[in-house]
C-alpha atoms as a PDB file:
ATOM      1  CA  MET A   1      -3.315  36.090 -15.754  1.00  0.00           C
ATOM      2  CA  PHE A   2      -2.192  38.652 -13.214  1.00  0.00           C
ATOM      3  CA  ALA A   3      -0.291  35.988 -11.241  1.00  0.00           C
ATOM      4  CA  ILE A   4       1.556  34.870 -14.369  1.00  0.00           C
ATOM      5  CA  TRP A   5       2.312  38.457 -15.394  1.00  0.00           C
ATOM      6  CA  HIS A   6       3.411  39.497 -11.893  1.00  0.00           C
ATOM      7  CA  GLY A   7       5.367  36.273 -11.293  1.00  0.00           C
ATOM      8  CA  ARG A   8       3.806  35.264  -7.956  1.00  0.00           C
ATOM      9  CA  ARG A   9       2.054  31.917  -7.512  1.00  0.00           C
ATOM     10  CA  LEU A  10       0.451  33.071  -4.273  1.00  0.00           C
ATOM     11  CA  ILE A  11      -1.968  35.235  -6.256  1.00  0.00           C
ATOM     12  CA  TYR A  12      -3.716  32.414  -8.107  1.00  0.00           C
ATOM     13  CA  LEU A  13      -3.555  30.150  -5.047  1.00  0.00           C
ATOM     14  CA  PHE A  14      -5.275  32.782  -2.920  1.00  0.00           C
ATOM     15  CA  ALA A  15      -7.904  33.351  -5.607  1.00  0.00           C
ATOM     16  CA  LEU A  16      -8.500  29.624  -5.859  1.00  0.00           C
ATOM     17  CA  TYR A  17      -9.102  29.225  -2.120  1.00  0.00           C
ATOM     18  CA  LEU A  18     -11.544  32.155  -2.115  1.00  0.00           C
ATOM     19  CA  ALA A  19     -13.372  30.858  -5.180  1.00  0.00           C
ATOM     20  CA  LEU A  20     -13.804  27.260  -4.039  1.00  0.00           C
ATOM     21  CA  ILE A  21     -14.614  27.910  -0.376  1.00  0.00           C
ATOM     22  CA  GLY A  22     -16.647  31.075  -0.967  1.00  0.00           C
ATOM     23  CA  PHE A  23     -18.762  29.547  -3.726  1.00  0.00           C
ATOM     24  CA  ASP A  24     -19.379  26.361  -1.737  1.00  0.00           C
ATOM     25  CA  VAL A  25     -20.593  28.337   1.299  1.00  0.00           C
ATOM     26  CA  LEU A  26     -22.904  30.543  -0.770  1.00  0.00           C
ATOM     27  CA  TRP A  27     -24.182  27.682  -2.896  1.00  0.00           C
ATOM     28  CA  ARG A  28     -25.084  25.525   0.111  1.00  0.00           C
ATOM     29  CA  GLU A  29     -26.808  28.467   1.785  1.00  0.00           C
ATOM     30  CA  TYR A  30     -28.833  29.868  -1.112  1.00  0.00           C
ATOM     31  CA  ALA A  31     -29.042  27.407  -4.030  1.00  0.00           C
ATOM     32  CA  SER A  32     -28.182  23.923  -2.843  1.00  0.00           C
ATOM     33  CA  ASP A  33     -30.693  22.398  -5.271  1.00  0.00           C
ATOM     34  CA  GLN A  34     -28.811  23.830  -8.277  1.00  0.00           C
ATOM     35  CA  TRP A  35     -26.149  21.145  -8.451  1.00  0.00           C
ATOM     36  CA  VAL A  36     -25.366  21.375 -12.182  1.00  0.00           C
ATOM     37  CA  PRO A  37     -24.105  25.006 -11.995  1.00  0.00           C
ATOM     38  CA  ALA A  38     -22.105  24.048  -8.904  1.00  0.00           C
ATOM     39  CA  LEU A  39     -20.503  21.149 -10.742  1.00  0.00           C
ATOM     40  CA  LEU A  40     -19.680  23.355 -13.729  1.00  0.00           C
ATOM     41  CA  PHE A  41     -18.210  26.049 -11.493  1.00  0.00           C
ATOM     42  CA  GLN A  42     -15.963  23.589  -9.662  1.00  0.00           C
ATOM     43  CA  THR A  43     -14.815  22.088 -12.967  1.00  0.00           C
ATOM     44  CA  VAL A  44     -14.001  25.518 -14.415  1.00  0.00           C
ATOM     45  CA  GLN A  45     -12.049  26.405 -11.284  1.00  0.00           C
ATOM     46  CA  PHE A  46     -10.094  23.167 -11.595  1.00  0.00           C
ATOM     47  CA  VAL A  47      -9.230  23.970 -15.224  1.00  0.00           C
ATOM     48  CA  ILE A  48      -8.183  27.531 -14.358  1.00  0.00           C
ATOM     49  CA  PHE A  49      -6.067  26.291 -11.448  1.00  0.00           C
ATOM     50  CA  GLY A  50      -4.369  23.576 -13.483  1.00  0.00           C
ATOM     51  CA  VAL A  51      -3.713  25.701 -16.572  1.00  0.00           C
ATOM     52  CA  ALA A  52      -2.431  28.634 -14.477  1.00  0.00           C
ATOM     53  CA  THR A  53      -0.012  26.342 -12.651  1.00  0.00           C
ATOM     54  CA  ALA A  54       1.305  24.883 -15.905  1.00  0.00           C
ATOM     55  CA  LEU A  55       1.543  28.237 -17.742  1.00  0.00           C
ATOM     56  CA  PHE A  56       3.300  29.865 -14.791  1.00  0.00           C
ATOM     57  CA  SER A  57       5.943  27.122 -14.784  1.00  0.00           C
ATOM     58  CA  ILE A  58       6.449  27.407 -18.544  1.00  0.00           C
ATOM     59  CA  ARG A  59       6.361  31.214 -18.738  1.00  0.00           C
ATOM     60  CA  HIS A  60       8.889  31.723 -15.938  1.00  0.00           C
ATOM     61  CA  ARG A  61      10.736  28.441 -16.518  1.00  0.00           C
ATOM     62  CA  ALA A  62      10.213  27.806 -12.813  1.00  0.00           C
ATOM     63  CA  PRO A  63       8.789  24.318 -12.207  1.00  0.00           C
ATOM     64  CA  LEU A  64       7.288  23.475  -8.853  1.00  0.00           C
ATOM     65  CA  ASP A  65       9.767  22.446  -6.212  1.00  0.00           C
ATOM     66  CA  ARG A  66       8.625  20.204  -3.359  1.00  0.00           C
ATOM     67  CA  GLY A  67       7.916  23.101  -1.013  1.00  0.00           C
ATOM     68  CA  VAL A  68       5.781  25.015  -3.501  1.00  0.00           C
ATOM     69  CA  ALA A  69       4.040  21.781  -4.558  1.00  0.00           C
ATOM     70  CA  SER A  70       2.942  21.211  -0.967  1.00  0.00           C
ATOM     71  CA  ALA A  71       1.135  24.576  -1.104  1.00  0.00           C
ATOM     72  CA  HIS A  72      -0.760  23.402  -4.207  1.00  0.00           C
ATOM     73  CA  LEU A  73      -1.830  20.100  -2.676  1.00  0.00           C
ATOM     74  CA  PRO A  74      -4.494  21.400  -0.195  1.00  0.00           C
ATOM     75  CA  PRO A  75      -6.583  23.217  -2.861  1.00  0.00           C
ATOM     76  CA  LEU A  76      -6.280  20.203  -5.140  1.00  0.00           C
ATOM     77  CA  LEU A  77      -7.605  17.965  -2.365  1.00  0.00           C
ATOM     78  CA  LEU A  78     -10.280  20.524  -1.546  1.00  0.00           C
ATOM     79  CA  PHE A  79     -11.472  20.490  -5.149  1.00  0.00           C
ATOM     80  CA  TYR A  80     -11.503  16.691  -5.201  1.00  0.00           C
ATOM     81  CA  PHE A  81     -13.644  16.274  -2.091  1.00  0.00           C
ATOM     82  CA  LEU A  82     -16.032  19.120  -2.919  1.00  0.00           C
ATOM     83  CA  GLN A  83     -16.636  17.758  -6.402  1.00  0.00           C
ATOM     84  CA  TYR A  84     -16.809  14.115  -5.348  1.00  0.00           C
ATOM     85  CA  ALA A  85     -19.355  14.888  -2.624  1.00  0.00           C
ATOM     86  CA  LEU A  86     -21.511  16.611  -5.247  1.00  0.00           C
ATOM     87  CA  LEU A  87     -21.113  13.821  -7.790  1.00  0.00           C
ATOM     88  CA  ASP A  88     -21.721  11.078  -5.251  1.00  0.00           C
ATOM     89  CA  ARG A  89     -25.068  12.639  -4.369  1.00  0.00           C
ATOM     90  CA  HIS A  90     -26.343  13.231  -7.893  1.00  0.00           C
ATOM     91  CA  LEU A  91     -24.261  11.009 -10.234  1.00  0.00           C
ATOM     92  CA  PRO A  92     -22.967   8.195  -8.018  1.00  0.00           C
ATOM     93  CA  GLY A  93     -22.315   5.811 -10.887  1.00  0.00           C
ATOM     94  CA  LEU A  94     -20.101   8.292 -12.732  1.00  0.00           C
ATOM     95  CA  ALA A  95     -18.323   9.790  -9.713  1.00  0.00           C
ATOM     96  CA  PRO A  96     -15.289   7.415  -9.712  1.00  0.00           C
ATOM     97  CA  TRP A  97     -14.861   7.753 -13.473  1.00  0.00           C
ATOM     98  CA  ILE A  98     -14.966  11.549 -13.332  1.00  0.00           C
ATOM     99  CA  ALA A  99     -12.357  11.401 -10.549  1.00  0.00           C
ATOM    100  CA  VAL A 100     -10.141   9.312 -12.821  1.00  0.00           C
ATOM    101  CA  ALA A 101     -10.725  11.841 -15.625  1.00  0.00           C
ATOM    102  CA  SER A 102      -9.550  14.660 -13.352  1.00  0.00           C
ATOM    103  CA  LEU A 103      -6.435  12.601 -12.602  1.00  0.00           C
ATOM    104  CA  ALA A 104      -5.835  12.253 -16.347  1.00  0.00           C
ATOM    105  CA  VAL A 105      -6.014  16.041 -16.681  1.00  0.00           C
ATOM    106  CA  VAL A 106      -3.422  16.505 -13.937  1.00  0.00           C
ATOM    107  CA  ALA A 107      -1.176  13.933 -15.614  1.00  0.00           C
ATOM    108  CA  ILE A 108      -1.522  15.678 -19.003  1.00  0.00           C
ATOM    109  CA  LEU A 109      -0.632  19.062 -17.483  1.00  0.00           C
ATOM    110  CA  TYR A 110       2.393  17.537 -15.751  1.00  0.00           C
ATOM    111  CA  GLY A 111       3.527  15.806 -18.934  1.00  0.00           C
ATOM    112  CA  THR A 112       3.097  19.003 -20.964  1.00  0.00           C
ATOM    113  CA  VAL A 113       5.226  21.101 -18.596  1.00  0.00           C
ATOM    114  CA  ARG A 114       7.897  18.434 -18.413  1.00  0.00           C
ATOM    115  CA  ALA A 115       8.039  18.108 -22.200  1.00  0.00           C
ATOM    116  CA  VAL A 116       8.274  21.891 -22.725  1.00  0.00           C
ATOM    117  CA  LEU A 117      10.888  22.488 -20.019  1.00  0.00           C
ATOM    118  CA  ASP A 118      12.683  19.228 -20.836  1.00  0.00           C
ATOM    119  CA  ARG A 119      13.822  18.518 -17.286  1.00  0.00           C
ATOM    120  CA  PRO A 120      12.639  16.627 -14.200  1.00  0.00           C
ATOM    121  CA  LEU A 121       9.882  18.238 -12.152  1.00  0.00           C
ATOM    122  CA  PRO A 122      10.266  16.909  -8.588  1.00  0.00           C
ATOM    123  CA  GLY A 123       7.509  19.078  -7.137  1.00  0.00           C
ATOM    124  CA  GLY A 124       5.135  18.361  -9.995  1.00  0.00           C
ATOM    125  CA  GLU A 125       5.844  14.650  -9.719  1.00  0.00           C
ATOM    126  CA  LEU A 126       5.112  14.727  -5.991  1.00  0.00           C
ATOM    127  CA  LEU A 127       1.853  16.574  -6.642  1.00  0.00           C
ATOM    128  CA  LEU A 128       0.870  14.133  -9.384  1.00  0.00           C
ATOM    129  CA  TRP A 129       1.572  11.006  -7.327  1.00  0.00           C
ATOM    130  CA  SER A 130      -0.209  12.466  -4.304  1.00  0.00           C
ATOM    131  CA  TYR A 131      -3.312  12.902  -6.440  1.00  0.00           C
ATOM    132  CA  VAL A 132      -2.853   9.403  -7.866  1.00  0.00           C
ATOM    133  CA  ALA A 133      -2.744   8.064  -4.304  1.00  0.00           C
ATOM    134  CA  LEU A 134      -5.953   9.887  -3.384  1.00  0.00           C
ATOM    135  CA  VAL A 135      -7.876   8.730  -6.461  1.00  0.00           C
ATOM    136  CA  LEU A 136      -6.531   5.195  -6.132  1.00  0.00           C
ATOM    137  CA  PHE A 137      -7.529   4.836  -2.494  1.00  0.00           C
ATOM    138  CA  HIS A 138     -10.835   6.693  -2.447  1.00  0.00           C
ATOM    139  CA  ALA A 139     -12.404   6.522  -5.915  1.00  0.00           C
ATOM    140  CA  GLY A 140     -10.620   3.328  -6.925  1.00  0.00           C
ATOM    141  CA  TYR A 141     -10.679   1.186  -3.792  1.00  0.00           C
ATOM    142  CA  VAL A 142     -13.180   2.553  -1.270  1.00  0.00           C
ATOM    143  CA  GLU A 143     -15.880   3.537  -3.750  1.00  0.00           C
ATOM    144  CA  SER A 144     -15.461   0.985  -6.545  1.00  0.00           C
ATOM    145  CA  VAL A 145     -14.132  -2.359  -5.255  1.00  0.00           C
ATOM    146  CA  PRO A 146     -16.739  -4.835  -3.890  1.00  0.00           C
ATOM    147  CA  THR A 147     -15.922  -6.150  -0.429  1.00  0.00           C
ATOM    148  CA  HIS A 148     -15.696  -9.758  -1.569  1.00  0.00           C
ATOM    149  CA  TRP A 149     -13.084  -8.873  -4.214  1.00  0.00           C
ATOM    150  CA  ALA A 150     -11.049  -6.465  -2.081  1.00  0.00           C
ATOM    151  CA  PRO A 151      -8.445  -9.012  -0.811  1.00  0.00           C
ATOM    152  CA  TRP A 152      -7.578 -10.124  -4.329  1.00  0.00           C
ATOM    153  CA  VAL A 153      -7.504  -6.543  -5.604  1.00  0.00           C
ATOM    154  CA  ALA A 154      -5.080  -5.622  -2.818  1.00  0.00           C
ATOM    155  CA  PHE A 155      -2.966  -8.676  -3.644  1.00  0.00           C
ATOM    156  CA  LEU A 156      -2.722  -7.744  -7.350  1.00  0.00           C
ATOM    157  CA  LEU A 157      -2.277  -4.041  -6.652  1.00  0.00           C
ATOM    158  CA  VAL A 158       1.120  -4.439  -4.949  1.00  0.00           C
ATOM    159  CA  PRO A 159       3.013  -5.965  -7.900  1.00  0.00           C
ATOM    160  CA  ALA A 160       1.210  -3.649 -10.322  1.00  0.00           C
ATOM    161  CA  ILE A 161       2.280  -0.530  -8.419  1.00  0.00           C
ATOM    162  CA  ALA A 162       5.776  -1.967  -7.998  1.00  0.00           C
ATOM    163  CA  VAL A 163       6.163  -2.335 -11.769  1.00  0.00           C
ATOM    164  CA  ILE A 164       4.823   1.184 -12.379  1.00  0.00           C
ATOM    165  CA  THR A 165       6.766   3.092  -9.712  1.00  0.00           C
ATOM    166  CA  MET A 166      10.055   1.349  -8.921  1.00  0.00           C
ATOM    167  CA  ARG A 167      13.032   2.451 -10.961  1.00  0.00           C
ATOM    168  CA  GLY A 168      16.173   0.553 -10.025  1.00  0.00           C
ATOM    169  CA  ALA A 169      18.595   2.139  -7.585  1.00  0.00           C
ATOM    170  CA  GLU A 170      16.592   5.379  -7.548  1.00  0.00           C
ATOM    171  CA  GLY A 171      13.995   3.815  -5.291  1.00  0.00           C
ATOM    172  CA  LEU A 172      10.575   5.399  -4.909  1.00  0.00           C
ATOM    173  CA  GLY A 173      11.607   9.051  -5.098  1.00  0.00           C
ATOM    174  CA  ASP A 174       8.575  11.320  -5.231  1.00  0.00           C
ATOM    175  CA  ARG A 175       6.283   8.378  -5.961  1.00  0.00           C
ATOM    176  CA  TRP A 176       6.064   7.437  -2.280  1.00  0.00           C
ATOM    177  CA  PRO A 177       2.470   8.775  -1.771  1.00  0.00           C
ATOM    178  CA  VAL A 178       1.024   6.049  -3.981  1.00  0.00           C
ATOM    179  CA  TRP A 179       2.843   3.446  -1.876  1.00  0.00           C
ATOM    180  CA  VAL A 180       1.285   4.897   1.271  1.00  0.00           C
ATOM    181  CA  ALA A 181      -2.166   4.362  -0.276  1.00  0.00           C
ATOM    182  CA  THR A 182      -1.201   0.898  -1.525  1.00  0.00           C
ATOM    183  CA  GLY A 183       0.220  -0.031   1.874  1.00  0.00           C
ATOM    184  CA  ILE A 184      -2.995   0.979   3.643  1.00  0.00           C
ATOM    185  CA  ILE A 185      -5.100  -1.047   1.197  1.00  0.00           C
ATOM    186  CA  PHE A 186      -2.817  -4.069   1.561  1.00  0.00           C
ATOM    187  CA  ALA A 187      -2.674  -3.798   5.376  1.00  0.00           C
ATOM    188  CA  ILE A 188      -6.468  -3.684   5.689  1.00  0.00           C
ATOM    189  CA  ASN A 189      -6.885  -6.836   3.646  1.00  0.00           C
ATOM    190  CA  TYR A 190      -3.848  -8.548   5.163  1.00  0.00           C
ATOM    191  CA  LEU A 191      -5.469  -8.306   8.596  1.00  0.00           C
ATOM    192  CA  ARG A 192      -8.740  -9.617   7.168  1.00  0.00           C
ATOM    193  CA  VAL A 193      -6.919 -12.597   5.687  1.00  0.00           C
ATOM    194  CA  ILE A 194      -4.743 -13.665   8.612  1.00  0.00           C
ATOM    195  CA  PHE A 195      -7.600 -13.304  11.112  1.00  0.00           C
ATOM    196  CA  ASP A 196     -10.091 -14.844   8.662  1.00  0.00           C
ATOM    197  CA  LYS A 197     -12.592 -12.034   9.255  1.00  0.00           C
ATOM    198  CA  ASP A 198     -15.195 -10.864   6.749  1.00  0.00           C
ATOM    199  CA  VAL A 199     -13.793 -13.082   3.989  1.00  0.00           C
ATOM    200  CA  GLU A 200     -16.543 -15.713   3.843  1.00  0.00           C
ATOM    201  CA  SER A 201     -17.759 -14.544   0.425  1.00  0.00           C
ATOM    202  CA  VAL A 202     -14.305 -14.020  -1.088  1.00  0.00           C
ATOM    203  CA  PRO A 203     -13.655 -16.305  -4.106  1.00  0.00           C
ATOM    204  CA  GLY A 204     -10.741 -18.662  -3.519  1.00  0.00           C
ATOM    205  CA  ARG A 205     -10.793 -17.960   0.189  1.00  0.00           C
ATOM    206  CA  PRO A 206      -8.586 -20.971   1.188  1.00  0.00           C
ATOM    207  CA  LEU A 207      -5.759 -19.692  -1.011  1.00  0.00           C
ATOM    208  CA  LEU A 208      -5.739 -16.129   0.285  1.00  0.00           C
ATOM    209  CA  ALA A 209      -3.264 -16.559   3.142  1.00  0.00           C
ATOM    210  CA  VAL A 210      -0.968 -18.679   0.960  1.00  0.00           C
ATOM    211  CA  ALA A 211      -1.030 -16.040  -1.788  1.00  0.00           C
ATOM    212  CA  TYR A 212      -0.285 -13.216   0.656  1.00  0.00           C
ATOM    213  CA  ALA A 213       2.588 -15.199   2.193  1.00  0.00           C
ATOM    214  CA  ALA A 214       4.065 -15.896  -1.252  1.00  0.00           C
ATOM    215  CA  LEU A 215       3.790 -12.229  -2.217  1.00  0.00           C
ATOM    216  CA  LEU A 216       5.525 -11.105   0.967  1.00  0.00           C
ATOM    217  CA  TYR A 217       8.311 -13.641   0.498  1.00  0.00           C
ATOM    218  CA  VAL A 218       8.814 -12.368  -3.054  1.00  0.00           C
ATOM    219  CA  GLY A 219       8.946  -8.866  -1.592  1.00  0.00           C
ATOM    220  CA  TYR A 220      11.637 -10.026   0.825  1.00  0.00           C
ATOM    221  CA  VAL A 221      13.776 -11.463  -1.970  1.00  0.00           C
ATOM    222  CA  PHE A 222      13.309  -8.312  -4.040  1.00  0.00           C
ATOM    223  CA  SER A 223      14.222  -6.038  -1.114  1.00  0.00           C
ATOM    224  CA  ARG A 224      17.396  -8.035  -0.464  1.00  0.00           C
ATOM    225  CA  ARG A 225      18.530  -7.499  -4.047  1.00  0.00           C
ATOM    226  CA  GLN A 226      17.699  -3.792  -4.283  1.00  0.00           C
ATOM    227  CA  ALA A 227      19.818  -1.466  -2.153  1.00  0.00           C
ATOM    228  CA  ALA A 228      17.140   1.243  -2.259  1.00  0.00           C
ATOM    229  CA  PHE A 229      14.650  -1.035  -0.441  1.00  0.00           C
ATOM    230  CA  ARG A 230      16.899  -2.680   2.131  1.00  0.00           C
ATOM    231  CA  GLY A 231      14.802  -1.316   4.989  1.00  0.00           C
ATOM    232  CA  ALA A 232      11.757  -3.337   3.940  1.00  0.00           C
ATOM    233  CA  GLU A 233      13.182  -6.859   3.858  1.00  0.00           C
ATOM    234  CA  ALA A 234      12.726  -7.695   7.561  1.00  0.00           C
ATOM    235  CA  PHE A 235       9.153  -6.377   7.562  1.00  0.00           C
ATOM    236  CA  SER A 236       8.232  -8.389   4.449  1.00  0.00           C
ATOM    237  CA  LEU A 237       9.829 -11.544   5.840  1.00  0.00           C
ATOM    238  CA  TYR A 238       8.137 -11.488   9.238  1.00  0.00           C
ATOM    239  CA  MET A 239       4.757 -10.540   7.785  1.00  0.00           C
ATOM    240  CA  GLY A 240       5.178 -13.408   5.330  1.00  0.00           C
ATOM    241  CA  HIS A 241       5.797 -15.822   8.210  1.00  0.00           C
ATOM    242  CA  LEU A 242       2.615 -14.672   9.955  1.00  0.00           C
ATOM    243  CA  SER A 243       0.609 -15.144   6.766  1.00  0.00           C
ATOM    244  CA  ALA A 244       2.106 -18.604   6.204  1.00  0.00           C
ATOM    245  CA  MET A 245       1.229 -19.623   9.773  1.00  0.00           C
ATOM    246  CA  ALA A 246      -2.300 -18.295   9.292  1.00  0.00           C
ATOM    247  CA  ALA A 247      -2.565 -20.347   6.089  1.00  0.00           C
ATOM    248  CA  ALA A 248      -1.652 -23.503   8.011  1.00  0.00           C
ATOM    249  CA  ILE A 249      -4.420 -22.837  10.529  1.00  0.00           C
ATOM    250  CA  HIS A 250      -7.009 -22.076   7.829  1.00  0.00           C
ATOM    251  CA  LEU A 251      -6.164 -25.036   5.602  1.00  0.00           C
ATOM    252  CA  LEU A 252      -5.361 -27.784   8.132  1.00  0.00           C
ATOM    253  CA  GLY A 253      -8.201 -29.020  10.284  1.00  0.00           C
ATOM    254  CA  GLU A 254      -6.247 -30.365  13.292  1.00  0.00           C
ATOM    255  CA  GLN A 255      -4.521 -27.762  15.436  1.00  0.00           C
ATOM    256  CA  ILE A 256      -1.606 -30.059  16.235  1.00  0.00           C
ATOM    257  CA  VAL A 257      -1.088 -30.632  12.504  1.00  0.00           C
ATOM    258  CA  ALA A 258      -0.987 -26.864  11.979  1.00  0.00           C
ATOM    259  CA  SER A 259       1.608 -26.594  14.745  1.00  0.00           C
ATOM    260  CA  ALA A 260       3.680 -29.289  13.040  1.00  0.00           C
ATOM    261  CA  ALA A 261       3.461 -27.271   9.817  1.00  0.00           C
ATOM    262  CA  TRP A 262       4.747 -24.240  11.714  1.00  0.00           C
ATOM    263  CA  GLY A 263       7.706 -26.287  12.901  1.00  0.00           C
ATOM    264  CA  VAL A 264       8.411 -27.444   9.355  1.00  0.00           C
ATOM    265  CA  LEU A 265       8.305 -23.817   8.216  1.00  0.00           C
ATOM    266  CA  ALA A 266      10.858 -22.844  10.850  1.00  0.00           C
ATOM    267  CA  LEU A 267      13.144 -25.738   9.885  1.00  0.00           C
ATOM    268  CA  ALA A 268      12.795 -24.829   6.209  1.00  0.00           C
ATOM    269  CA  CYS A 269      13.823 -21.252   6.991  1.00  0.00           C
ATOM    270  CA  LEU A 270      16.914 -22.483   8.849  1.00  0.00           C
ATOM    271  CA  ALA A 271      17.882 -24.909   6.099  1.00  0.00           C
ATOM    272  CA  LEU A 272      17.395 -22.266   3.433  1.00  0.00           C
ATOM    273  CA  SER A 273      19.379 -19.737   5.450  1.00  0.00           C
ATOM    274  CA  LEU A 274      22.324 -22.163   5.580  1.00  0.00           C
ATOM    275  CA  TRP A 275      22.122 -22.780   1.864  1.00  0.00           C
ATOM    276  CA  ARG A 276      21.778 -19.104   0.925  1.00  0.00           C
ATOM    277  CA  ARG A 277      23.950 -17.802   3.802  1.00  0.00           C
ATOM    278  CA  ASP A 278      21.067 -15.577   4.829  1.00  0.00           C
ATOM    279  CA  ARG A 279      21.395 -14.692   8.500  1.00  0.00           C
ATOM    280  CA  LEU A 280      18.170 -12.665   8.666  1.00  0.00           C
ATOM    281  CA  LEU A 281      16.153 -15.601   7.345  1.00  0.00           C
ATOM    282  CA  GLY A 282      17.673 -17.897   9.961  1.00  0.00           C
ATOM    283  CA  GLN A 283      16.999 -15.452  12.769  1.00  0.00           C
ATOM    284  CA  SER A 284      13.393 -15.066  11.640  1.00  0.00           C
ATOM    285  CA  SER A 285      12.854 -18.775  12.290  1.00  0.00           C
ATOM    286  CA  LEU A 286      13.065 -18.007  16.019  1.00  0.00           C
ATOM    287  CA  LEU A 287       9.753 -16.167  15.731  1.00  0.00           C
ATOM    288  CA  VAL A 288       8.111 -19.222  14.178  1.00  0.00           C
ATOM    289  CA  PHE A 289       9.650 -21.544  16.773  1.00  0.00           C
ATOM    290  CA  GLY A 290       8.425 -19.275  19.555  1.00  0.00           C
ATOM    291  CA  PHE A 291       4.873 -19.170  18.248  1.00  0.00           C
ATOM    292  CA  THR A 292       4.938 -22.931  17.731  1.00  0.00           C
ATOM    293  CA  ALA A 293       6.033 -23.636  21.300  1.00  0.00           C
ATOM    294  CA  GLY A 294       3.475 -21.248  22.734  1.00  0.00           C
ATOM    295  CA  LYS A 295       0.652 -22.667  20.647  1.00  0.00           C
ATOM    296  CA  VAL A 296       1.460 -26.286  21.519  1.00  0.00           C
ATOM    297  CA  LEU A 297       1.920 -25.724  25.247  1.00  0.00           C
ATOM    298  CA  LEU A 298      -0.900 -23.261  25.821  1.00  0.00           C
ATOM    299  CA  TYR A 299      -3.503 -24.366  23.288  1.00  0.00           C
ATOM    300  CA  ASP A 300      -2.957 -27.696  21.537  1.00  0.00           C
ATOM    301  CA  LEU A 301      -2.385 -29.791  24.689  1.00  0.00           C
ATOM    302  CA  SER A 302      -5.449 -28.562  26.539  1.00  0.00           C
ATOM    303  CA  GLY A 303      -8.226 -31.155  26.506  1.00  0.00           C
ATOM    304  CA  THR A 304      -6.255 -33.780  24.569  1.00  0.00           C
ATOM    305  CA  LEU A 305      -5.673 -37.401  25.567  1.00  0.00           C
ATOM    306  CA  PRO A 306      -2.422 -38.209  27.453  1.00  0.00           C
ATOM    307  CA  LEU A 307      -1.056 -40.247  24.557  1.00  0.00           C
ATOM    308  CA  ALA A 308      -1.663 -37.370  22.148  1.00  0.00           C
ATOM    309  CA  ARG A 309       0.055 -34.977  24.556  1.00  0.00           C
ATOM    310  CA  ILE A 310       3.117 -37.207  24.761  1.00  0.00           C
ATOM    311  CA  ALA A 311       3.288 -37.546  20.969  1.00  0.00           C
ATOM    312  CA  SER A 312       2.917 -33.799  20.542  1.00  0.00           C
ATOM    313  CA  LEU A 313       5.695 -33.049  23.004  1.00  0.00           C
ATOM    314  CA  VAL A 314       7.982 -35.612  21.396  1.00  0.00           C
ATOM    315  CA  VAL A 315       7.421 -34.091  17.955  1.00  0.00           C
ATOM    316  CA  LEU A 316       7.917 -30.608  19.378  1.00  0.00           C
ATOM    317  CA  GLY A 317      11.128 -31.681  21.122  1.00  0.00           C
ATOM    318  CA  ILE A 318      12.566 -33.278  17.980  1.00  0.00           C
ATOM    319  CA  THR A 319      11.693 -30.180  15.951  1.00  0.00           C
ATOM    320  CA  PHE A 320      13.403 -27.902  18.456  1.00  0.00           C
ATOM    321  CA  TYR A 321      16.427 -30.176  18.694  1.00  0.00           C
ATOM    322  CA  VAL A 322      16.923 -30.221  14.917  1.00  0.00           C
ATOM    323  CA  GLY A 323      16.239 -26.504  14.779  1.00  0.00           C
ATOM    324  CA  GLY A 324      18.837 -25.851  17.454  1.00  0.00           C
ATOM    325  CA  MET A 325      21.439 -27.839  15.543  1.00  0.00           C
ATOM    326  CA  LEU A 326      20.722 -25.952  12.331  1.00  0.00           C
ATOM    327  CA  TYR A 327      20.787 -22.609  14.137  1.00  0.00           C
ATOM    328  CA  GLN A 328      24.184 -23.405  15.646  1.00  0.00           C
ATOM    329  CA  ARG A 329      25.496 -24.301  12.192  1.00  0.00           C
ATOM    330  CA  MET A 330      24.152 -21.015  10.871  1.00  0.00           C
ATOM    331  CA  LEU A 331      25.924 -19.078  13.622  1.00  0.00           C
ATOM    332  CA  GLY A 332      29.107 -20.973  12.899  1.00  0.00           C
ATOM    333  CA  SER A 333      28.876 -20.233   9.193  1.00  0.00           C
ATOM    334  CA  ALA A 334      28.278 -16.558   9.924  1.00  0.00           C
ATOM    335  CA  SER A 335      31.344 -16.340  12.187  1.00  0.00           C
ATOM    336  CA  GLU A 336      33.529 -17.844   9.475  1.00  0.00           C
ATOM    337  CA  GLN A 337      32.580 -15.231   6.907  1.00  0.00           C
END
């Protein structure tokens, strides 16, 4: 109340730090077995903090900017981890759901301030999406998703977050924190999939690498069409190639057959690049050709019969010859444009 009356946010922020940290130290030292009062105290502090932030913005018609929002983020994270540690010890089954409920409260406070002030709140939006990212990664993924379902959850999470957060030419804006969390979740499971590690119990395991490759290729096409995401197209394309090559190894028994599939993938990229006049796609085929040559020469030919070696080299040579012709045509088409 004094902070709102005096017009200084630092007052309630300072009080919040003292209340949360001071109470936690005293509680752990003198009454660590009394977890219900501790939970109630933390919840009341969260309500006071959230309501004070919203009322201050409304009373002074001064919404959070990004700088001020960054000062509110540490106590919000401090509250989350203090409360989750307490809940995880005494109410582990309800802990993720209570975390989601706290996120709903933050979202309601943000929506209320935005509706009353009737204008965008860039700092409040950044604070909200930062908390969404935390709850999504920790309570949603780490604490709630079984290991054998994690790759499919990560696969479905990317398009879901894309639909929720992407808004045309505006790009991500202040919603980028949730994409950091989503990217970490996807990267963890992407590495599991392409290296085929700890995925033995995953349902539909043979399709994982194919699904990840398809998703990354869709991401490449989307990035090419949206100016706000032009920096992501090369990353999506090359990661898609790696996933497609991993799928060939996982699905095809013979190594030389997998190498032939890699060559077909490279040729398909070149042919498609000529058709779509997509120089980046054509250049990316060089990566696939390089991996194919290295795999055949250093791995596939070792321990094979002479006739099989000759056949492999002939197939490899024909693939490279056709690929070279297509690449030259692509360069010629690019120079004419």
